[in-house]
């Protein structure tokens, strides 16, 4: 499990003063990029090696709202990994109150720059090993 914290900016809120639902996808991408960097696979390294990780699907459930100035804690974990596909789970809580704010998952695959699916295990076994270490 990887922990990512982020403070809510004013511009991310709507007229009601709560975080607009569309921002959560950005938060999850920020957390996922930070996690990849933390395990030694920053996005720029993947791309320099001709590997992309497009999103195949996304699902989310909003449980509670957060507002400007709140800090959220995103717990990121790998739900499934096959070296061709990966499902990432997210649990968001309000740092101050501990309330569950959101649960979500994103599905990804590994591809060439031409978007041809690849096996990370075959294409870059050292990258595959870095992900398998944390499973």
C-alpha atoms as a PDB file:
ATOM      1  CA  UNK A   1       0.000   0.000   0.000  1.00  0.00           C
ATOM      2  CA  UNK A   2       1.212   3.489  -0.869  1.00  0.00           C
ATOM      3  CA  UNK A   3       0.087   6.609   1.004  1.00  0.00           C
ATOM      4  CA  UNK A   4      -0.263   9.949  -0.812  1.00  0.00           C
ATOM      5  CA  UNK A   5      -1.382  13.182   0.859  1.00  0.00           C
ATOM      6  CA  UNK A   6      -2.734  16.238  -0.889  1.00  0.00           C
ATOM      7  CA  UNK A   7      -4.222  19.533   0.251  1.00  0.00           C
ATOM      8  CA  UNK A   8      -7.346  20.729  -1.556  1.00  0.00           C
ATOM      9  CA  UNK A   9      -6.961  23.954  -3.543  1.00  0.00           C
ATOM     10  CA  UNK A  10      -9.684  26.580  -3.788  1.00  0.00           C
ATOM     11  CA  UNK A  11      -9.915  26.336  -7.587  1.00  0.00           C
ATOM     12  CA  UNK A  12     -10.843  22.639  -7.277  1.00  0.00           C
ATOM     13  CA  UNK A  13     -14.117  23.447  -5.535  1.00  0.00           C
ATOM     14  CA  UNK A  14     -17.476  24.188  -7.091  1.00  0.00           C
ATOM     15  CA  UNK A  15     -20.146  26.774  -6.331  1.00  0.00           C
ATOM     16  CA  UNK A  16     -21.211  24.732  -3.285  1.00  0.00           C
ATOM     17  CA  UNK A  17     -17.659  24.909  -1.882  1.00  0.00           C
ATOM     18  CA  UNK A  18     -16.921  21.196  -2.248  1.00  0.00           C
ATOM     19  CA  UNK A  19     -14.368  19.489  -4.473  1.00  0.00           C
ATOM     20  CA  UNK A  20     -15.855  18.979  -7.907  1.00  0.00           C
ATOM     21  CA  UNK A  21     -16.167  15.262  -8.670  1.00  0.00           C
ATOM     22  CA  UNK A  22     -14.020  15.502 -11.823  1.00  0.00           C
ATOM     23  CA  UNK A  23     -10.937  16.383  -9.780  1.00  0.00           C
ATOM     24  CA  UNK A  24     -10.704  12.950  -8.181  1.00  0.00           C
ATOM     25  CA  UNK A  25      -9.417  11.416 -11.411  1.00  0.00           C
ATOM     26  CA  UNK A  26      -6.570  13.938 -11.326  1.00  0.00           C
ATOM     27  CA  UNK A  27      -5.848  13.119  -7.674  1.00  0.00           C
ATOM     28  CA  UNK A  28      -5.654   9.420  -8.479  1.00  0.00           C
ATOM     29  CA  UNK A  29      -3.267  10.090 -11.350  1.00  0.00           C
ATOM     30  CA  UNK A  30      -1.071  12.221  -9.073  1.00  0.00           C
ATOM     31  CA  UNK A  31      -1.009   9.398  -6.509  1.00  0.00           C
ATOM     32  CA  UNK A  32      -0.293   6.764  -9.170  1.00  0.00           C
ATOM     33  CA  UNK A  33       2.581   8.819 -10.644  1.00  0.00           C
ATOM     34  CA  UNK A  34       4.040   9.409  -7.160  1.00  0.00           C
ATOM     35  CA  UNK A  35       3.780   5.676  -6.421  1.00  0.00           C
ATOM     36  CA  UNK A  36       5.513   4.737  -9.680  1.00  0.00           C
ATOM     37  CA  UNK A  37       8.297   7.190  -8.881  1.00  0.00           C
ATOM     38  CA  UNK A  38       8.587   5.790  -5.358  1.00  0.00           C
ATOM     39  CA  UNK A  39       9.094   2.222  -6.634  1.00  0.00           C
ATOM     40  CA  UNK A  40      11.689   3.379  -9.161  1.00  0.00           C
ATOM     41  CA  UNK A  41       9.496   3.482 -12.269  1.00  0.00           C
ATOM     42  CA  UNK A  42       8.738   7.159 -12.870  1.00  0.00           C
ATOM     43  CA  UNK A  43       6.471   7.811 -15.838  1.00  0.00           C
ATOM     44  CA  UNK A  44       9.269   9.531 -17.779  1.00  0.00           C
ATOM     45  CA  UNK A  45      11.459   6.413 -17.416  1.00  0.00           C
ATOM     46  CA  UNK A  46       8.651   4.206 -18.713  1.00  0.00           C
ATOM     47  CA  UNK A  47       8.115   6.551 -21.656  1.00  0.00           C
ATOM     48  CA  UNK A  48      11.858   6.747 -22.432  1.00  0.00           C
ATOM     49  CA  UNK A  49      11.701   2.964 -22.713  1.00  0.00           C
ATOM     50  CA  UNK A  50       8.734   3.125 -25.095  1.00  0.00           C
ATOM     51  CA  UNK A  51       6.127   2.049 -22.530  1.00  0.00           C
ATOM     52  CA  UNK A  52       2.799   3.737 -21.863  1.00  0.00           C
ATOM     53  CA  UNK A  53       0.091   2.846 -19.333  1.00  0.00           C
ATOM     54  CA  UNK A  54      -3.251   3.973 -20.759  1.00  0.00           C
ATOM     55  CA  UNK A  55      -6.383   3.875 -18.640  1.00  0.00           C
ATOM     56  CA  UNK A  56      -8.776   1.150 -19.792  1.00  0.00           C
ATOM     57  CA  UNK A  57     -11.483   1.854 -17.266  1.00  0.00           C
ATOM     58  CA  UNK A  58     -12.293   3.772 -14.125  1.00  0.00           C
ATOM     59  CA  UNK A  59     -14.938   3.387 -11.422  1.00  0.00           C
ATOM     60  CA  UNK A  60     -15.543   5.456  -8.335  1.00  0.00           C
ATOM     61  CA  UNK A  61     -17.972   5.868  -5.479  1.00  0.00           C
ATOM     62  CA  UNK A  62     -18.285   9.144  -3.611  1.00  0.00           C
ATOM     63  CA  UNK A  63     -18.930   8.699   0.117  1.00  0.00           C
ATOM     64  CA  UNK A  64     -18.409  12.158   1.612  1.00  0.00           C
ATOM     65  CA  UNK A  65     -17.279  15.571   0.475  1.00  0.00           C
ATOM     66  CA  UNK A  66     -14.130  17.581   1.154  1.00  0.00           C
ATOM     67  CA  UNK A  67     -13.645  21.319   0.851  1.00  0.00           C
ATOM     68  CA  UNK A  68     -10.949  23.939   0.344  1.00  0.00           C
ATOM     69  CA  UNK A  69      -8.113  23.546   2.833  1.00  0.00           C
ATOM     70  CA  UNK A  70      -8.870  19.922   3.709  1.00  0.00           C
ATOM     71  CA  UNK A  71      -6.074  17.398   3.298  1.00  0.00           C
ATOM     72  CA  UNK A  72      -6.921  14.064   1.760  1.00  0.00           C
ATOM     73  CA  UNK A  73      -5.032  10.823   2.229  1.00  0.00           C
ATOM     74  CA  UNK A  74      -5.091   8.476  -0.733  1.00  0.00           C
ATOM     75  CA  UNK A  75      -4.238   4.854  -0.020  1.00  0.00           C
ATOM     76  CA  UNK A  76      -3.192   3.244  -3.291  1.00  0.00           C
ATOM     77  CA  UNK A  77      -2.866  -0.507  -3.695  1.00  0.00           C
ATOM     78  CA  UNK A  78      -2.556  -2.973  -6.546  1.00  0.00           C
ATOM     79  CA  UNK A  79      -5.674  -5.129  -6.820  1.00  0.00           C
ATOM     80  CA  UNK A  80      -4.496  -7.160  -9.811  1.00  0.00           C
ATOM     81  CA  UNK A  81      -1.308  -7.398 -11.853  1.00  0.00           C
ATOM     82  CA  UNK A  82      -0.591  -9.708 -14.795  1.00  0.00           C
ATOM     83  CA  UNK A  83       2.389  -7.879 -16.379  1.00  0.00           C
ATOM     84  CA  UNK A  84       0.074  -6.929 -19.263  1.00  0.00           C
ATOM     85  CA  UNK A  85      -2.729  -5.383 -17.187  1.00  0.00           C
ATOM     86  CA  UNK A  86      -2.925  -3.748 -13.794  1.00  0.00           C
ATOM     87  CA  UNK A  87      -5.851  -2.701 -11.611  1.00  0.00           C
ATOM     88  CA  UNK A  88      -5.131  -0.018  -9.018  1.00  0.00           C
ATOM     89  CA  UNK A  89      -7.401   0.543  -6.013  1.00  0.00           C
ATOM     90  CA  UNK A  90      -7.783   3.816  -4.122  1.00  0.00           C
ATOM     91  CA  UNK A  91      -9.284   4.734  -0.761  1.00  0.00           C
ATOM     92  CA  UNK A  92      -9.540   8.421   0.061  1.00  0.00           C
ATOM     93  CA  UNK A  93     -10.021   9.717   3.584  1.00  0.00           C
ATOM     94  CA  UNK A  94     -10.139  13.160   5.130  1.00  0.00           C
ATOM     95  CA  UNK A  95      -6.902  13.430   7.112  1.00  0.00           C
ATOM     96  CA  UNK A  96      -8.430  15.519   9.903  1.00  0.00           C
ATOM     97  CA  UNK A  97     -11.695  13.620  10.428  1.00  0.00           C
ATOM     98  CA  UNK A  98     -10.725  10.160   9.190  1.00  0.00           C
ATOM     99  CA  UNK A  99     -13.965  10.004   7.197  1.00  0.00           C
ATOM    100  CA  UNK A 100     -14.018   7.846   4.099  1.00  0.00           C
ATOM    101  CA  UNK A 101     -14.403  10.230   1.153  1.00  0.00           C
ATOM    102  CA  UNK A 102     -14.096   8.043  -1.936  1.00  0.00           C
ATOM    103  CA  UNK A 103     -13.277   4.554  -3.149  1.00  0.00           C
ATOM    104  CA  UNK A 104     -12.178   3.920  -6.708  1.00  0.00           C
ATOM    105  CA  UNK A 105     -10.233   1.741  -9.082  1.00  0.00           C
ATOM    106  CA  UNK A 106      -8.500   2.297 -12.396  1.00  0.00           C
ATOM    107  CA  UNK A 107      -7.613  -0.376 -14.929  1.00  0.00           C
ATOM    108  CA  UNK A 108      -4.497  -0.026 -17.070  1.00  0.00           C
ATOM    109  CA  UNK A 109      -2.507  -1.965 -19.604  1.00  0.00           C
ATOM    110  CA  UNK A 110       1.097  -1.685 -20.687  1.00  0.00           C
ATOM    111  CA  UNK A 111       1.609  -0.749 -24.328  1.00  0.00           C
ATOM    112  CA  UNK A 112       4.181   0.429 -26.817  1.00  0.00           C
ATOM    113  CA  UNK A 113       4.024   4.068 -27.908  1.00  0.00           C
ATOM    114  CA  UNK A 114       1.902   2.790 -30.808  1.00  0.00           C
ATOM    115  CA  UNK A 115      -0.570   1.441 -28.209  1.00  0.00           C
ATOM    116  CA  UNK A 116       0.186  -2.206 -28.941  1.00  0.00           C
ATOM    117  CA  UNK A 117      -0.246  -4.223 -25.708  1.00  0.00           C
ATOM    118  CA  UNK A 118       2.944  -5.707 -24.291  1.00  0.00           C
ATOM    119  CA  UNK A 119       3.966  -7.934 -21.433  1.00  0.00           C
ATOM    120  CA  UNK A 120       6.133  -5.944 -19.056  1.00  0.00           C
ATOM    121  CA  UNK A 121       7.643  -9.227 -17.908  1.00  0.00           C
ATOM    122  CA  UNK A 122       8.915  -9.940 -21.434  1.00  0.00           C
ATOM    123  CA  UNK A 123       9.661  -6.380 -22.578  1.00  0.00           C
ATOM    124  CA  UNK A 124      11.351  -5.118 -19.403  1.00  0.00           C
ATOM    125  CA  UNK A 125      11.671  -7.849 -16.755  1.00  0.00           C
ATOM    126  CA  UNK A 126      13.456  -5.472 -14.385  1.00  0.00           C
ATOM    127  CA  UNK A 127      10.390  -3.166 -14.447  1.00  0.00           C
ATOM    128  CA  UNK A 128       8.051  -6.119 -13.882  1.00  0.00           C
ATOM    129  CA  UNK A 129      10.139  -7.159 -10.858  1.00  0.00           C
ATOM    130  CA  UNK A 130       9.790  -3.706  -9.265  1.00  0.00           C
ATOM    131  CA  UNK A 131       6.009  -4.001  -9.362  1.00  0.00           C
ATOM    132  CA  UNK A 132       5.964  -7.630  -8.205  1.00  0.00           C
ATOM    133  CA  UNK A 133       8.098  -6.719  -5.173  1.00  0.00           C
ATOM    134  CA  UNK A 134       5.235  -4.736  -3.647  1.00  0.00           C
ATOM    135  CA  UNK A 135       2.403  -7.186  -4.371  1.00  0.00           C
END
